């Protein structure tokens, strides 16, 4: 998703530069902006694997906590049943 966003941003800026330019060459400012966006996209793409690992770790923790919660609820139900409630 981050990768797509970066590509879309770069494409949108490139398209706007192309459509609004009066010359066939981009200005220095336009080239700087494009290079800045490329660097940002690259940095974000490098973060994706780490974020995916972090997400998997958090999902595992949630699953473990849900399992413990279910155990507690089962124990509570057994106690209530034993007490005749």
PDB file of N, CA and C in Angstrom:
ATOM      1  N   UNK A   1       0.827  -1.175   0.000  1.00  0.00           N
ATOM      2  CA  UNK A   1       0.000   0.000   0.000  1.00  0.00           C
ATOM      3  C   UNK A   1       0.875   1.243   0.000  1.00  0.00           C
ATOM      4  N   UNK A   2       1.909   1.253   0.816  1.00  0.00           N
ATOM      5  CA  UNK A   2       2.817   2.392   0.850  1.00  0.00           C
ATOM      6  C   UNK A   2       3.507   2.521  -0.497  1.00  0.00           C
ATOM      7  N   UNK A   3       3.857   1.393  -1.079  1.00  0.00           N
ATOM      8  CA  UNK A   3       4.540   1.387  -2.361  1.00  0.00           C
ATOM      9  C   UNK A   3       3.642   2.009  -3.427  1.00  0.00           C
ATOM     10  N   UNK A   4       2.393   1.649  -3.419  1.00  0.00           N
ATOM     11  CA  UNK A   4       1.458   2.191  -4.404  1.00  0.00           C
ATOM     12  C   UNK A   4       1.286   3.688  -4.225  1.00  0.00           C
ATOM     13  N   UNK A   5       1.200   4.134  -2.977  1.00  0.00           N
ATOM     14  CA  UNK A   5       1.017   5.559  -2.705  1.00  0.00           C
ATOM     15  C   UNK A   5       2.190   6.359  -3.231  1.00  0.00           C
ATOM     16  N   UNK A   6       3.384   5.870  -2.997  1.00  0.00           N
ATOM     17  CA  UNK A   6       4.570   6.570  -3.469  1.00  0.00           C
ATOM     18  C   UNK A   6       4.623   6.626  -4.978  1.00  0.00           C
ATOM     19  N   UNK A   7       4.287   5.532  -5.601  1.00  0.00           N
ATOM     20  CA  UNK A   7       4.296   5.486  -7.062  1.00  0.00           C
ATOM     21  C   UNK A   7       3.225   6.418  -7.617  1.00  0.00           C
ATOM     22  N   UNK A   8       2.062   6.429  -6.971  1.00  0.00           N
ATOM     23  CA  UNK A   8       0.985   7.317  -7.423  1.00  0.00           C
ATOM     24  C   UNK A   8       1.388   8.785  -7.283  1.00  0.00           C
ATOM     25  N   UNK A   9       2.041   9.109  -6.179  1.00  0.00           N
ATOM     26  CA  UNK A   9       2.482  10.492  -5.976  1.00  0.00           C
ATOM     27  C   UNK A   9       3.497  10.877  -7.041  1.00  0.00           C
ATOM     28  N   UNK A  10       4.469  10.013  -7.261  1.00  0.00           N
ATOM     29  CA  UNK A  10       5.495  10.303  -8.258  1.00  0.00           C
ATOM     30  C   UNK A  10       4.877  10.423  -9.652  1.00  0.00           C
ATOM     31  N   UNK A  11       3.936   9.569  -9.959  1.00  0.00           N
ATOM     32  CA  UNK A  11       3.269   9.616 -11.260  1.00  0.00           C
ATOM     33  C   UNK A  11       2.451  10.894 -11.404  1.00  0.00           C
ATOM     34  N   UNK A  12       1.740  11.260 -10.345  1.00  0.00           N
ATOM     35  CA  UNK A  12       0.923  12.478 -10.395  1.00  0.00           C
ATOM     36  C   UNK A  12       1.794  13.713 -10.596  1.00  0.00           C
ATOM     37  N   UNK A  13       2.889  13.775  -9.882  1.00  0.00           N
ATOM     38  CA  UNK A  13       3.773  14.937 -10.039  1.00  0.00           C
ATOM     39  C   UNK A  13       4.403  14.942 -11.423  1.00  0.00           C
ATOM     40  N   UNK A  14       4.821  13.777 -11.875  1.00  0.00           N
ATOM     41  CA  UNK A  14       5.402  13.700 -13.211  1.00  0.00           C
ATOM     42  C   UNK A  14       4.402  14.137 -14.270  1.00  0.00           C
ATOM     43  N   UNK A  15       3.161  13.689 -14.124  1.00  0.00           N
ATOM     44  CA  UNK A  15       2.132  14.047 -15.088  1.00  0.00           C
ATOM     45  C   UNK A  15       1.850  15.548 -15.046  1.00  0.00           C
ATOM     46  N   UNK A  16       1.774  16.104 -13.833  1.00  0.00           N
ATOM     47  CA  UNK A  16       1.504  17.542 -13.735  1.00  0.00           C
ATOM     48  C   UNK A  16       2.667  18.347 -14.288  1.00  0.00           C
ATOM     49  N   UNK A  17       3.875  17.864 -14.088  1.00  0.00           N
ATOM     50  CA  UNK A  17       5.038  18.551 -14.654  1.00  0.00           C
ATOM     51  C   UNK A  17       4.987  18.506 -16.181  1.00  0.00           C
ATOM     52  N   UNK A  18       4.630  17.363 -16.684  1.00  0.00           N
ATOM     53  CA  UNK A  18       4.570  17.191 -18.131  1.00  0.00           C
ATOM     54  C   UNK A  18       3.487  18.077 -18.746  1.00  0.00           C
ATOM     55  N   UNK A  19       2.321  18.108 -18.115  1.00  0.00           N
ATOM     56  CA  UNK A  19       1.204  18.863 -18.676  1.00  0.00           C
ATOM     57  C   UNK A  19       1.362  20.371 -18.516  1.00  0.00           C
ATOM     58  N   UNK A  20       2.024  20.806 -17.445  1.00  0.00           N
ATOM     59  CA  UNK A  20       2.119  22.240 -17.204  1.00  0.00           C
ATOM     60  C   UNK A  20       3.394  22.869 -17.743  1.00  0.00           C
ATOM     61  N   UNK A  21       4.295  22.074 -18.185  1.00  0.00           N
ATOM     62  CA  UNK A  21       5.581  22.607 -18.645  1.00  0.00           C
ATOM     63  C   UNK A  21       5.455  23.198 -20.046  1.00  0.00           C
ATOM     64  N   UNK A  22       6.113  24.341 -20.212  1.00  0.00           N
ATOM     65  CA  UNK A  22       6.134  24.987 -21.523  1.00  0.00           C
ATOM     66  C   UNK A  22       7.358  24.560 -22.316  1.00  0.00           C
ATOM     67  N   UNK A  23       8.321  24.025 -21.626  1.00  0.00           N
ATOM     68  CA  UNK A  23       9.537  23.580 -22.306  1.00  0.00           C
ATOM     69  C   UNK A  23       9.582  22.070 -22.275  1.00  0.00           C
ATOM     70  N   UNK A  24      10.494  21.535 -23.038  1.00  0.00           N
ATOM     71  CA  UNK A  24      10.618  20.078 -23.088  1.00  0.00           C
ATOM     72  C   UNK A  24      11.517  19.561 -21.971  1.00  0.00           C
ATOM     73  N   UNK A  25      12.118  20.458 -21.205  1.00  0.00           N
ATOM     74  CA  UNK A  25      13.001  20.052 -20.116  1.00  0.00           C
ATOM     75  C   UNK A  25      12.435  20.527 -18.776  1.00  0.00           C
ATOM     76  N   UNK A  26      12.529  19.669 -17.755  1.00  0.00           N
ATOM     77  CA  UNK A  26      12.049  20.086 -16.432  1.00  0.00           C
ATOM     78  C   UNK A  26      13.016  21.110 -15.813  1.00  0.00           C
ATOM     79  N   UNK A  27      12.473  21.947 -14.964  1.00  0.00           N
ATOM     80  CA  UNK A  27      13.314  22.933 -14.285  1.00  0.00           C
ATOM     81  C   UNK A  27      14.119  22.245 -13.177  1.00  0.00           C
ATOM     82  N   UNK A  28      15.075  22.959 -12.642  1.00  0.00           N
ATOM     83  CA  UNK A  28      15.884  22.421 -11.546  1.00  0.00           C
ATOM     84  C   UNK A  28      15.013  22.107 -10.331  1.00  0.00           C
ATOM     85  N   UNK A  29      14.056  22.985 -10.064  1.00  0.00           N
ATOM     86  CA  UNK A  29      13.143  22.764  -8.937  1.00  0.00           C
ATOM     87  C   UNK A  29      12.317  21.497  -9.152  1.00  0.00           C
ATOM     88  N   UNK A  30      11.835  21.288 -10.340  1.00  0.00           N
ATOM     89  CA  UNK A  30      11.041  20.095 -10.648  1.00  0.00           C
ATOM     90  C   UNK A  30      11.891  18.836 -10.510  1.00  0.00           C
ATOM     91  N   UNK A  31      13.119  18.897 -10.972  1.00  0.00           N
ATOM     92  CA  UNK A  31      14.013  17.739 -10.839  1.00  0.00           C
ATOM     93  C   UNK A  31      14.317  17.453  -9.365  1.00  0.00           C
ATOM     94  N   UNK A  32      14.503  18.503  -8.582  1.00  0.00           N
ATOM     95  CA  UNK A  32      14.765  18.337  -7.162  1.00  0.00           C
ATOM     96  C   UNK A  32      13.561  17.686  -6.488  1.00  0.00           C
ATOM     97  N   UNK A  33      12.362  18.168  -6.807  1.00  0.00           N
ATOM     98  CA  UNK A  33      11.149  17.591  -6.219  1.00  0.00           C
ATOM     99  C   UNK A  33      11.007  16.116  -6.596  1.00  0.00           C
ATOM    100  N   UNK A  34      11.276  15.809  -7.831  1.00  0.00           N
ATOM    101  CA  UNK A  34      11.169  14.429  -8.289  1.00  0.00           C
ATOM    102  C   UNK A  34      12.184  13.549  -7.564  1.00  0.00           C
ATOM    103  N   UNK A  35      13.407  14.032  -7.435  1.00  0.00           N
ATOM    104  CA  UNK A  35      14.428  13.255  -6.731  1.00  0.00           C
ATOM    105  C   UNK A  35      14.083  13.092  -5.262  1.00  0.00           C
ATOM    106  N   UNK A  36      13.525  14.126  -4.649  1.00  0.00           N
ATOM    107  CA  UNK A  36      13.086  14.025  -3.252  1.00  0.00           C
ATOM    108  C   UNK A  36      12.000  12.968  -3.108  1.00  0.00           C
ATOM    109  N   UNK A  37      11.060  12.958  -4.036  1.00  0.00           N
ATOM    110  CA  UNK A  37       9.981  11.959  -3.984  1.00  0.00           C
ATOM    111  C   UNK A  37      10.512  10.547  -4.192  1.00  0.00           C
ATOM    112  N   UNK A  38      11.443  10.406  -5.103  1.00  0.00           N
ATOM    113  CA  UNK A  38      12.038   9.082  -5.332  1.00  0.00           C
ATOM    114  C   UNK A  38      12.741   8.594  -4.071  1.00  0.00           C
ATOM    115  N   UNK A  39      13.452   9.485  -3.403  1.00  0.00           N
ATOM    116  CA  UNK A  39      14.143   9.112  -2.169  1.00  0.00           C
ATOM    117  C   UNK A  39      13.139   8.728  -1.088  1.00  0.00           C
ATOM    118  N   UNK A  40      12.050   9.476  -1.002  1.00  0.00           N
ATOM    119  CA  UNK A  40      11.021   9.172  -0.006  1.00  0.00           C
ATOM    120  C   UNK A  40      10.368   7.817  -0.288  1.00  0.00           C
ATOM    121  N   UNK A  41      10.070   7.545  -1.538  1.00  0.00           N
ATOM    122  CA  UNK A  41       9.474   6.256  -1.919  1.00  0.00           C
ATOM    123  C   UNK A  41      10.429   5.129  -1.564  1.00  0.00           C
ATOM    124  N   UNK A  42      11.695   5.306  -1.867  1.00  0.00           N
ATOM    125  CA  UNK A  42      12.691   4.281  -1.566  1.00  0.00           C
ATOM    126  C   UNK A  42      12.773   4.020  -0.068  1.00  0.00           C
ATOM    127  N   UNK A  43      12.793   5.077   0.720  1.00  0.00           N
ATOM    128  CA  UNK A  43      12.858   4.925   2.175  1.00  0.00           C
ATOM    129  C   UNK A  43      11.621   4.197   2.697  1.00  0.00           C
ATOM    130  N   UNK A  44      10.459   4.546   2.179  1.00  0.00           N
ATOM    131  CA  UNK A  44       9.216   3.890   2.616  1.00  0.00           C
ATOM    132  C   UNK A  44       9.189   2.425   2.209  1.00  0.00           C
ATOM    133  N   UNK A  45       9.672   2.126   1.026  1.00  0.00           N
ATOM    134  CA  UNK A  45       9.690   0.734   0.572  1.00  0.00           C
ATOM    135  C   UNK A  45      10.599  -0.116   1.451  1.00  0.00           C
ATOM    136  N   UNK A  46      11.673   0.478   1.963  1.00  0.00           N
ATOM    137  CA  UNK A  46      12.582  -0.262   2.838  1.00  0.00           C
ATOM    138  C   UNK A  46      11.936  -0.552   4.186  1.00  0.00           C
ATOM    139  N   UNK A  47      10.966   0.243   4.594  1.00  0.00           N
ATOM    140  CA  UNK A  47      10.287   0.044   5.877  1.00  0.00           C
ATOM    141  C   UNK A  47       9.227  -1.049   5.818  1.00  0.00           C
ATOM    142  N   UNK A  48       8.756  -1.380   4.641  1.00  0.00           N
ATOM    143  CA  UNK A  48       7.641  -2.327   4.500  1.00  0.00           C
ATOM    144  C   UNK A  48       7.935  -3.684   5.144  1.00  0.00           C
ATOM    145  N   UNK A  49       9.064  -4.330   4.870  1.00  0.00           N
ATOM    146  CA  UNK A  49       9.294  -5.645   5.500  1.00  0.00           C
ATOM    147  C   UNK A  49       9.307  -5.586   7.024  1.00  0.00           C
ATOM    148  N   UNK A  50       9.922  -4.541   7.585  1.00  0.00           N
ATOM    149  CA  UNK A  50       9.947  -4.412   9.043  1.00  0.00           C
ATOM    150  C   UNK A  50       8.550  -4.226   9.600  1.00  0.00           C
ATOM    151  N   UNK A  51       7.745  -3.433   8.930  1.00  0.00           N
ATOM    152  CA  UNK A  51       6.378  -3.199   9.395  1.00  0.00           C
ATOM    153  C   UNK A  51       5.543  -4.467   9.279  1.00  0.00           C
ATOM    154  N   UNK A  52       5.787  -5.261   8.247  1.00  0.00           N
ATOM    155  CA  UNK A  52       5.052  -6.524   8.098  1.00  0.00           C
ATOM    156  C   UNK A  52       5.416  -7.493   9.222  1.00  0.00           C
ATOM    157  N   UNK A  53       6.717  -7.528   9.588  1.00  0.00           N
ATOM    158  CA  UNK A  53       7.144  -8.380  10.701  1.00  0.00           C
ATOM    159  C   UNK A  53       6.509  -7.904  12.003  1.00  0.00           C
ATOM    160  N   UNK A  54       6.497  -6.599  12.203  1.00  0.00           N
ATOM    161  CA  UNK A  54       5.895  -6.031  13.411  1.00  0.00           C
ATOM    162  C   UNK A  54       4.410  -6.362  13.468  1.00  0.00           C
ATOM    163  N   UNK A  55       3.738  -6.269  12.343  1.00  0.00           N
ATOM    164  CA  UNK A  55       2.309  -6.587  12.282  1.00  0.00           C
ATOM    165  C   UNK A  55       2.069  -8.055  12.643  1.00  0.00           C
ATOM    166  N   UNK A  56       2.895  -8.949  12.094  1.00  0.00           N
ATOM    167  CA  UNK A  56       2.744 -10.375  12.383  1.00  0.00           C
ATOM    168  C   UNK A  56       2.967 -10.650  13.868  1.00  0.00           C
ATOM    169  N   UNK A  57       3.956  -9.988  14.457  1.00  0.00           N
ATOM    170  CA  UNK A  57       4.241 -10.163  15.882  1.00  0.00           C
ATOM    171  C   UNK A  57       3.051  -9.701  16.720  1.00  0.00           C
ATOM    172  N   UNK A  58       2.500  -8.549  16.372  1.00  0.00           N
ATOM    173  CA  UNK A  58       1.356  -8.030  17.120  1.00  0.00           C
ATOM    174  C   UNK A  58       0.129  -8.925  16.961  1.00  0.00           C
ATOM    175  N   UNK A  59      -0.083  -9.449  15.756  1.00  0.00           N
ATOM    176  CA  UNK A  59      -1.215 -10.351  15.541  1.00  0.00           C
ATOM    177  C   UNK A  59      -1.060 -11.621  16.373  1.00  0.00           C
ATOM    178  N   UNK A  60       0.176 -12.111  16.496  1.00  0.00           N
ATOM    179  CA  UNK A  60       0.435 -13.298  17.309  1.00  0.00           C
ATOM    180  C   UNK A  60       0.141 -13.000  18.778  1.00  0.00           C
ATOM    181  N   UNK A  61       0.579 -11.829  19.248  1.00  0.00           N
ATOM    182  CA  UNK A  61       0.314 -11.439  20.635  1.00  0.00           C
ATOM    183  C   UNK A  61      -1.190 -11.337  20.898  1.00  0.00           C
ATOM    184  N   UNK A  62      -1.916 -10.760  19.968  1.00  0.00           N
ATOM    185  CA  UNK A  62      -3.368 -10.634  20.118  1.00  0.00           C
ATOM    186  C   UNK A  62      -4.005 -12.023  20.184  1.00  0.00           C
ATOM    187  N   UNK A  63      -3.567 -12.928  19.322  1.00  0.00           N
ATOM    188  CA  UNK A  63      -4.119 -14.281  19.324  1.00  0.00           C
ATOM    189  C   UNK A  63      -3.848 -14.981  20.655  1.00  0.00           C
ATOM    190  N   UNK A  64      -2.630 -14.796  21.190  1.00  0.00           N
ATOM    191  CA  UNK A  64      -2.299 -15.407  22.478  1.00  0.00           C
ATOM    192  C   UNK A  64      -3.172 -14.834  23.597  1.00  0.00           C
ATOM    193  N   UNK A  65      -3.350 -13.532  23.593  1.00  0.00           N
ATOM    194  CA  UNK A  65      -4.170 -12.893  24.627  1.00  0.00           C
ATOM    195  C   UNK A  65      -5.635 -13.313  24.488  1.00  0.00           C
ATOM    196  N   UNK A  66      -6.107 -13.453  23.258  1.00  0.00           N
ATOM    197  CA  UNK A  66      -7.482 -13.925  23.049  1.00  0.00           C
ATOM    198  C   UNK A  66      -7.641 -15.348  23.565  1.00  0.00           C
ATOM    199  N   UNK A  67      -6.606 -16.165  23.381  1.00  0.00           N
ATOM    200  CA  UNK A  67      -6.644 -17.534  23.902  1.00  0.00           C
ATOM    201  C   UNK A  67      -6.720 -17.555  25.420  1.00  0.00           C
ATOM    202  N   UNK A  68      -5.908 -16.703  26.062  1.00  0.00           N
ATOM    203  CA  UNK A  68      -5.933 -16.618  27.524  1.00  0.00           C
ATOM    204  C   UNK A  68      -7.278 -16.095  28.015  1.00  0.00           C
ATOM    205  N   UNK A  69      -7.823 -15.131  27.318  1.00  0.00           N
ATOM    206  CA  UNK A  69      -9.136 -14.591  27.682  1.00  0.00           C
ATOM    207  C   UNK A  69     -10.202 -15.686  27.591  1.00  0.00           C
ATOM    208  N   UNK A  70     -10.148 -16.476  26.546  1.00  0.00           N
ATOM    209  CA  UNK A  70     -11.121 -17.561  26.385  1.00  0.00           C
ATOM    210  C   UNK A  70     -10.986 -18.571  27.510  1.00  0.00           C
ATOM    211  N   UNK A  71      -9.736 -18.871  27.894  1.00  0.00           N
ATOM    212  CA  UNK A  71      -9.507 -19.789  29.011  1.00  0.00           C
ATOM    213  C   UNK A  71     -10.149 -19.246  30.287  1.00  0.00           C
ATOM    214  N   UNK A  72      -9.930 -17.973  30.549  1.00  0.00           N
ATOM    215  CA  UNK A  72     -10.499 -17.346  31.747  1.00  0.00           C
ATOM    216  C   UNK A  72     -12.026 -17.384  31.718  1.00  0.00           C
ATOM    217  N   UNK A  73     -12.592 -17.116  30.565  1.00  0.00           N
ATOM    218  CA  UNK A  73     -14.052 -17.139  30.437  1.00  0.00           C
ATOM    219  C   UNK A  73     -14.584 -18.554  30.641  1.00  0.00           C
ATOM    220  N   UNK A  74     -13.852 -19.550  30.127  1.00  0.00           N
ATOM    221  CA  UNK A  74     -14.261 -20.947  30.321  1.00  0.00           C
ATOM    222  C   UNK A  74     -14.188 -21.328  31.796  1.00  0.00           C
ATOM    223  N   UNK A  75     -13.105 -20.912  32.481  1.00  0.00           N
ATOM    224  CA  UNK A  75     -12.961 -21.196  33.910  1.00  0.00           C
ATOM    225  C   UNK A  75     -14.080 -20.524  34.709  1.00  0.00           C
ATOM    226  N   UNK A  76     -14.370 -19.293  34.344  1.00  0.00           N
ATOM    227  CA  UNK A  76     -15.431 -18.542  35.037  1.00  0.00           C
ATOM    228  C   UNK A  76     -16.777 -19.247  34.846  1.00  0.00           C
ATOM    229  N   UNK A  77     -17.045 -19.704  33.636  1.00  0.00           N
ATOM    230  CA  UNK A  77     -18.298 -20.413  33.371  1.00  0.00           C
ATOM    231  C   UNK A  77     -18.366 -21.713  34.168  1.00  0.00           C
ATOM    232  N   UNK A  78     -17.240 -22.406  34.287  1.00  0.00           N
ATOM    233  CA  UNK A  78     -17.219 -23.663  35.049  1.00  0.00           C
ATOM    234  C   UNK A  78     -17.478 -23.402  36.521  1.00  0.00           C
ATOM    235  N   UNK A  79     -16.889 -22.338  37.053  1.00  0.00           N
ATOM    236  CA  UNK A  79     -17.090 -21.993  38.466  1.00  0.00           C
ATOM    237  C   UNK A  79     -18.561 -21.633  38.709  1.00  0.00           C
ATOM    238  N   UNK A  80     -19.122 -20.833  37.803  1.00  0.00           N
ATOM    239  CA  UNK A  80     -20.542 -20.465  37.956  1.00  0.00           C
ATOM    240  C   UNK A  80     -21.442 -21.712  37.919  1.00  0.00           C
ATOM    241  N   UNK A  81     -21.109 -22.608  37.017  1.00  0.00           N
ATOM    242  CA  UNK A  81     -21.911 -23.827  36.904  1.00  0.00           C
ATOM    243  C   UNK A  81     -21.792 -24.660  38.175  1.00  0.00           C
ATOM    244  N   UNK A  82     -20.558 -24.724  38.703  1.00  0.00           N
ATOM    245  CA  UNK A  82     -20.335 -25.498  39.927  1.00  0.00           C
ATOM    246  C   UNK A  82     -21.066 -24.877  41.121  1.00  0.00           C
ATOM    247  N   UNK A  83     -21.202 -23.531  41.096  1.00  0.00           N
ATOM    248  CA  UNK A  83     -21.907 -22.847  42.176  1.00  0.00           C
ATOM    249  C   UNK A  83     -23.408 -22.852  41.963  1.00  0.00           C
ATOM    250  N   UNK A  84     -23.845 -23.346  40.834  1.00  0.00           N
ATOM    251  CA  UNK A  84     -25.280 -23.417  40.543  1.00  0.00           C
ATOM    252  C   UNK A  84     -25.875 -22.111  40.081  1.00  0.00           C
ATOM    253  N   UNK A  85     -25.096 -21.297  39.472  1.00  0.00           N
ATOM    254  CA  UNK A  85     -25.616 -20.010  38.973  1.00  0.00           C
ATOM    255  C   UNK A  85     -25.966 -20.084  37.519  1.00  0.00           C
TER     256      UNK A  85
END
